[in-house]
Amino acid sequence: MGKPMALNLLKAGFPVTVFNRSQPAIDELAAAGARAAKSPAEVGEASDIVITMLPDAPDVESVVLGENGVMAGSERRSANGASAQQTLIIDMSTIAAAAARRIGEQVAARGGSMLDAPVSGGDVGAKAGTLSIMAGGTAEDFERAKPVFAAMGKTVTHCGPAGAGQLVKACNQIMVALVLEAISETVILAEKVGIGPEVLVPVLQGGIAHTRIMELRAAKMMAHTYQPGFKAAHHLKDLRIVLATAKAQGLSLPVTTQVEQMFTKLIERGHGNLDNSSVKMIVEEMSA
């Protein structure tokens, strides 16, 4: 996700400094015009606005607050008088709202500010610059970030105070997981009775069952093609965030709980690196 988002920032004319754990991604972005950094601190030292896109909260905490993290570089930049602007961290990862608030408080204590701004739209939306971006934080930080968001997304929404973006993303991940499971059942029945995707998908997309996920994933699911756009292991992590959030609110999410168990089985079978639509494999296993 991060690489196509960075490419869209470059296309929009922003100067971009990049760091990634794998060198090939850095090299590709550098070839497109980005400046390559050797650490998160170097990104923080070079940038007024820093975007993070990482797997989970411990990664965000390490990259932003660690000894060689973004805020360490930001503090050096401030000490050197390189910029009068406060560093704004835009974390576009999907993490728990409580973790986003905690990290944001520590960023503020070190002289910066932070938005939690997870996204929806998958790799297709990241490449096209049409992501849905849901941001939590102050209105002032959101206004400052809007030109940056406009380069990466089509639907950009200020959802409320710190953590609100992550809470909206949790709701999003319920919908995506349950729709993928519903599509799995739908296409398994269609396959069994001899209906192909060339018939099924246009018919369903022309009626009330229309979904964006059906448009993007149904034919691939029927072809058993699970090249990842969004990995199943990451969706399981998100569903566990959802269920922990629901538990803290005293809520029961029965179908989400069942689908979380399906994703757990999928990962236990060694399929965590497949696309999240591969949950169909567990439905097939249950139907065998």
Protein backbone atom coordinates (compact mmCIF):
# COMPACT_ATOMS: atom_id res chain seq x y z
CA MET A 1 0.00 0.00 0.00
CA GLY A 2 2.71 2.47 0.96
CA LYS A 3 4.62 2.36 -2.30
CA PRO A 4 1.76 3.34 -4.66
CA MET A 5 0.63 5.97 -2.17
CA ALA A 6 4.13 7.48 -2.19
CA LEU A 7 4.16 7.38 -5.99
CA ASN A 8 0.92 9.37 -6.05
CA LEU A 9 2.45 11.97 -3.73
CA LEU A 10 5.36 12.30 -6.14
CA LYS A 11 2.97 12.64 -9.09
CA ALA A 12 1.19 15.43 -7.22
CA GLY A 13 4.47 17.33 -6.93
CA PHE A 14 5.30 16.76 -3.27
CA PRO A 15 8.96 16.32 -2.32
CA VAL A 16 9.04 12.84 -0.76
CA THR A 17 11.67 11.21 1.45
CA VAL A 18 11.17 7.46 1.90
CA PHE A 19 12.29 4.66 4.15
CA ASN A 20 11.22 1.03 4.02
CA ARG A 21 12.50 -2.20 5.51
CA SER A 22 13.07 -3.69 2.05
CA GLN A 23 15.54 -1.91 -0.20
CA PRO A 24 13.83 -2.69 -3.56
CA ALA A 25 10.84 -0.51 -2.65
CA ILE A 26 13.17 2.35 -1.70
CA ASP A 27 15.08 1.94 -4.96
CA GLU A 28 11.89 2.01 -7.03
CA LEU A 29 10.64 5.16 -5.34
CA ALA A 30 14.05 6.80 -5.60
CA ALA A 31 14.02 6.08 -9.34
CA ALA A 32 10.65 7.87 -9.49
CA GLY A 33 12.08 10.97 -7.84
CA ALA A 34 11.97 10.35 -4.09
CA ARG A 35 14.90 10.92 -1.77
CA ALA A 36 16.06 7.68 -0.13
CA ALA A 37 16.52 7.73 3.64
CA LYS A 38 18.46 5.25 5.75
CA SER A 39 16.18 5.37 8.81
CA PRO A 40 12.85 6.71 10.07
CA ALA A 41 14.82 9.38 11.94
CA GLU A 42 16.26 10.63 8.65
CA VAL A 43 12.72 10.92 7.26
CA GLY A 44 11.68 12.89 10.37
CA GLU A 45 14.66 15.20 10.04
CA ALA A 46 13.82 15.95 6.40
CA SER A 47 10.03 16.31 6.63
CA ASP A 48 7.36 18.53 8.17
CA ILE A 49 4.71 15.86 7.49
CA VAL A 50 5.51 12.17 7.90
CA ILE A 51 3.22 9.35 6.75
CA THR A 52 3.52 5.87 8.22
CA MET A 53 1.94 2.73 6.74
CA LEU A 54 2.80 -0.27 8.92
CA PRO A 55 1.41 -3.68 9.95
CA ASP A 56 0.48 -3.10 13.61
CA ALA A 57 0.74 -0.84 16.66
CA PRO A 58 4.18 -2.05 17.89
CA ASP A 59 5.60 -1.23 14.45
CA VAL A 60 4.10 2.26 14.54
CA GLU A 61 5.37 2.84 18.05
CA SER A 62 8.89 1.73 17.12
CA VAL A 63 9.05 3.71 13.87
CA VAL A 64 7.60 6.89 15.33
CA LEU A 65 8.92 6.90 18.90
CA GLY A 66 11.94 4.60 18.84
CA GLU A 67 15.56 5.57 19.42
CA ASN A 68 16.09 5.99 15.68
CA GLY A 69 12.48 6.88 14.98
CA VAL A 70 10.70 9.74 13.25
CA MET A 71 10.40 11.92 16.36
CA ALA A 72 14.12 11.60 17.08
CA GLY A 73 14.78 13.10 13.65
CA SER A 74 12.08 15.71 14.16
CA GLU A 75 13.71 16.81 17.41
CA ARG A 76 17.05 17.21 15.64
CA ARG A 77 15.40 19.25 12.88
CA SER A 78 13.77 21.49 15.48
CA ALA A 79 17.02 21.92 17.40
CA ASN A 80 18.80 22.91 14.19
CA GLY A 81 16.12 25.47 13.36
CA ALA A 82 15.48 23.77 10.02
CA SER A 83 11.72 24.40 10.21
CA ALA A 84 9.36 26.40 12.36
CA GLN A 85 6.50 23.99 11.62
CA GLN A 86 5.51 21.33 14.10
CA THR A 87 5.99 17.80 12.77
CA LEU A 88 2.69 16.17 11.80
CA ILE A 89 2.61 12.38 11.86
CA ILE A 90 -0.11 10.85 9.69
CA ASP A 91 -0.39 7.19 10.61
CA MET A 92 -2.30 5.40 7.85
CA SER A 93 -1.84 1.95 9.37
CA THR A 94 -4.76 0.03 10.84
CA ILE A 95 -4.25 -0.27 14.60
CA ALA A 96 -6.40 -0.14 17.72
CA ALA A 97 -7.88 3.26 18.54
CA ALA A 98 -6.43 3.13 22.06
CA ALA A 99 -2.95 2.56 20.63
CA ALA A 100 -3.40 5.47 18.21
CA ARG A 101 -4.35 7.76 21.09
CA ARG A 102 -1.44 6.57 23.24
CA ILE A 103 1.12 7.08 20.48
CA GLY A 104 -0.40 10.45 19.61
CA GLU A 105 -0.05 11.61 23.22
CA GLN A 106 3.63 10.67 23.23
CA VAL A 107 4.15 12.45 19.91
CA ALA A 108 2.54 15.58 21.38
CA ALA A 109 4.77 15.35 24.47
CA ARG A 110 7.77 15.49 22.12
CA GLY A 111 6.55 18.53 20.24
CA GLY A 112 4.66 16.97 17.34
CA SER A 113 1.07 16.16 16.47
CA MET A 114 -0.62 13.12 14.98
CA LEU A 115 -3.59 12.02 12.92
CA ASP A 116 -4.75 8.42 12.77
CA ALA A 117 -5.85 8.09 9.14
CA PRO A 118 -6.40 4.47 8.06
CA VAL A 119 -7.60 3.78 4.54
CA SER A 120 -9.95 1.55 2.60
CA GLY A 121 -9.77 0.66 -1.07
CA GLY A 122 -7.01 -1.92 -1.17
CA ASP A 123 -4.11 -2.02 -3.58
CA VAL A 124 -6.40 -0.96 -6.44
CA GLY A 125 -7.40 2.23 -4.65
CA ALA A 126 -3.83 2.90 -3.54
CA LYS A 127 -2.57 2.73 -7.12
CA ALA A 128 -5.44 4.79 -8.54
CA GLY A 129 -5.33 7.42 -5.80
CA THR A 130 -8.97 6.75 -4.94
CA LEU A 131 -8.65 5.54 -1.36
CA SER A 132 -11.25 6.31 1.28
CA ILE A 133 -9.32 8.03 4.07
CA MET A 134 -10.83 8.25 7.56
CA ALA A 135 -8.97 10.60 9.88
CA GLY A 136 -9.02 11.12 13.64
CA GLY A 137 -7.39 14.11 15.32
CA THR A 138 -7.77 17.87 15.56
CA ALA A 139 -9.54 19.89 12.89
CA GLU A 140 -6.38 22.00 12.48
CA ASP A 141 -4.19 18.97 11.75
CA PHE A 142 -6.81 17.60 9.37
CA GLU A 143 -6.88 20.87 7.41
CA ARG A 144 -3.10 20.84 7.20
CA ALA A 145 -3.14 17.28 5.88
CA LYS A 146 -5.93 17.75 3.30
CA PRO A 147 -3.66 18.56 0.31
CA VAL A 148 -1.64 15.43 1.08
CA PHE A 149 -4.76 13.31 1.42
CA ALA A 150 -6.10 14.66 -1.88
CA ALA A 151 -3.12 13.12 -3.69
CA MET A 152 -3.94 9.65 -2.35
CA GLY A 153 -7.68 9.48 -1.84
CA LYS A 154 -11.07 10.33 -3.27
CA THR A 155 -13.20 10.19 -0.13
CA VAL A 156 -11.47 12.05 2.69
CA THR A 157 -13.34 12.40 5.97
CA HIS A 158 -12.55 13.93 9.35
CA CYS A 159 -14.21 11.38 11.63
CA GLY A 160 -13.60 13.10 14.97
CA PRO A 161 -10.93 13.31 17.66
CA ALA A 162 -7.88 11.08 18.04
CA GLY A 163 -8.75 7.41 17.53
CA ALA A 164 -11.93 8.13 15.57
CA GLY A 165 -10.34 7.18 12.25
CA GLN A 166 -9.38 3.78 13.66
CA LEU A 167 -12.89 3.23 15.04
CA VAL A 168 -14.41 3.90 11.61
CA LYS A 169 -11.83 1.56 10.06
CA ALA A 170 -12.86 -1.16 12.52
CA CYS A 171 -16.43 -0.81 11.23
CA ASN A 172 -15.12 -0.98 7.66
CA GLN A 173 -13.25 -4.20 8.37
CA ILE A 174 -16.40 -5.87 9.70
CA MET A 175 -18.17 -5.08 6.44
CA VAL A 176 -15.31 -6.25 4.24
CA ALA A 177 -14.82 -9.54 6.10
CA LEU A 178 -18.51 -10.41 6.20
CA VAL A 179 -19.06 -9.49 2.56
CA LEU A 180 -16.08 -11.66 1.53
CA GLU A 181 -17.57 -14.56 3.46
CA ALA A 182 -20.97 -13.94 1.85
CA ILE A 183 -19.40 -13.83 -1.61
CA SER A 184 -17.60 -17.08 -0.78
CA GLU A 185 -20.88 -18.84 -0.02
CA THR A 186 -22.50 -17.28 -3.10
CA VAL A 187 -19.83 -18.33 -5.57
CA ILE A 188 -19.46 -21.82 -4.06
CA LEU A 189 -23.18 -22.40 -4.64
CA ALA A 190 -22.92 -20.95 -8.15
CA GLU A 191 -19.97 -23.21 -8.97
CA LYS A 192 -21.82 -26.26 -7.66
CA VAL A 193 -24.85 -25.63 -9.85
CA GLY A 194 -22.84 -24.72 -12.93
CA ILE A 195 -23.17 -20.93 -13.05
CA GLY A 196 -20.00 -19.15 -14.19
CA PRO A 197 -18.68 -15.72 -13.21
CA GLU A 198 -19.58 -14.31 -16.63
CA VAL A 199 -23.25 -14.79 -15.67
CA LEU A 200 -23.18 -14.43 -11.89
CA VAL A 201 -21.15 -11.23 -11.49
CA PRO A 202 -23.03 -8.98 -13.97
CA VAL A 203 -26.41 -10.12 -12.66
CA LEU A 204 -25.57 -9.52 -9.01
CA GLN A 205 -23.78 -6.26 -9.79
CA GLY A 206 -26.89 -5.02 -11.59
CA GLY A 207 -29.13 -5.38 -8.56
CA ILE A 208 -29.34 -4.70 -4.85
CA ALA A 209 -26.53 -7.21 -4.15
CA HIS A 210 -24.03 -4.92 -5.90
CA THR A 211 -20.79 -4.45 -3.97
CA ARG A 212 -17.37 -3.10 -4.85
CA ILE A 213 -15.80 -6.26 -3.41
CA MET A 214 -17.86 -8.45 -5.74
CA GLU A 215 -16.65 -6.35 -8.66
CA LEU A 216 -12.99 -6.69 -7.67
CA ARG A 217 -12.81 -10.17 -6.20
CA ALA A 218 -15.61 -12.53 -7.30
CA ALA A 219 -14.13 -13.69 -10.60
CA LYS A 220 -10.73 -14.21 -8.98
CA MET A 221 -12.33 -16.19 -6.16
CA MET A 222 -14.10 -18.41 -8.67
CA ALA A 223 -10.76 -18.89 -10.44
CA HIS A 224 -9.08 -19.69 -7.09
CA THR A 225 -6.64 -16.82 -7.67
CA TYR A 226 -5.53 -15.29 -4.39
CA GLN A 227 -2.59 -13.02 -5.22
CA PRO A 228 -2.70 -10.61 -2.31
CA GLY A 229 -4.09 -7.16 -2.49
CA PHE A 230 -4.68 -7.26 1.27
CA LYS A 231 -3.22 -10.23 3.13
CA ALA A 232 -5.47 -12.54 5.12
CA ALA A 233 -3.14 -12.34 8.14
CA HIS A 234 -3.57 -8.57 8.25
CA HIS A 235 -7.35 -8.88 8.09
CA LEU A 236 -7.29 -11.35 10.99
CA LYS A 237 -5.33 -8.77 13.00
CA ASP A 238 -7.99 -6.19 12.15
CA LEU A 239 -10.85 -8.48 13.15
CA ARG A 240 -9.20 -9.09 16.51
CA ILE A 241 -9.04 -5.32 16.99
CA VAL A 242 -12.76 -5.17 16.11
CA LEU A 243 -13.71 -7.86 18.61
CA ALA A 244 -11.57 -6.37 21.38
CA THR A 245 -13.23 -2.99 20.75
CA ALA A 246 -16.69 -4.58 20.83
CA LYS A 247 -15.89 -6.44 24.06
CA ALA A 248 -14.75 -3.21 25.70
CA GLN A 249 -18.13 -1.71 24.76
CA GLY A 250 -20.09 -4.72 26.05
CA LEU A 251 -21.21 -5.70 22.55
CA SER A 252 -21.65 -9.09 20.91
CA LEU A 253 -20.82 -9.37 17.20
CA PRO A 254 -21.83 -12.98 16.51
CA VAL A 255 -21.24 -13.23 12.76
CA THR A 256 -18.00 -11.24 12.97
CA THR A 257 -16.87 -13.72 15.63
CA GLN A 258 -17.61 -16.63 13.28
CA VAL A 259 -15.74 -15.02 10.40
CA GLU A 260 -12.78 -14.22 12.69
CA GLN A 261 -12.66 -17.94 13.49
CA MET A 262 -12.61 -18.72 9.75
CA PHE A 263 -9.69 -16.35 9.24
CA THR A 264 -7.93 -17.94 12.21
CA LYS A 265 -8.28 -21.36 10.56
CA LEU A 266 -7.04 -19.92 7.27
CA ILE A 267 -3.88 -18.61 8.90
CA GLU A 268 -3.41 -21.87 10.82
CA ARG A 269 -3.48 -23.66 7.45
CA GLY A 270 -0.51 -21.52 6.40
CA HIS A 271 -2.39 -19.15 4.07
CA GLY A 272 -1.78 -15.84 5.85
CA ASN A 273 0.07 -14.35 2.88
CA LEU A 274 -2.82 -14.95 0.48
CA ASP A 275 -5.44 -12.32 -0.30
CA ASN A 276 -8.19 -11.96 2.32
CA SER A 277 -10.66 -13.29 -0.26
CA SER A 278 -9.02 -16.69 0.28
CA VAL A 279 -11.39 -17.08 3.24
CA LYS A 280 -13.39 -18.90 0.54
CA MET A 281 -10.99 -21.82 1.05
CA ILE A 282 -12.30 -22.32 4.58
CA VAL A 283 -15.92 -22.15 3.39
CA GLU A 284 -15.04 -24.77 0.76
CA GLU A 285 -13.45 -26.92 3.45
CA MET A 286 -16.62 -26.67 5.53
CA SER A 287 -18.70 -27.64 2.46
CA ALA A 288 -16.61 -30.67 1.52
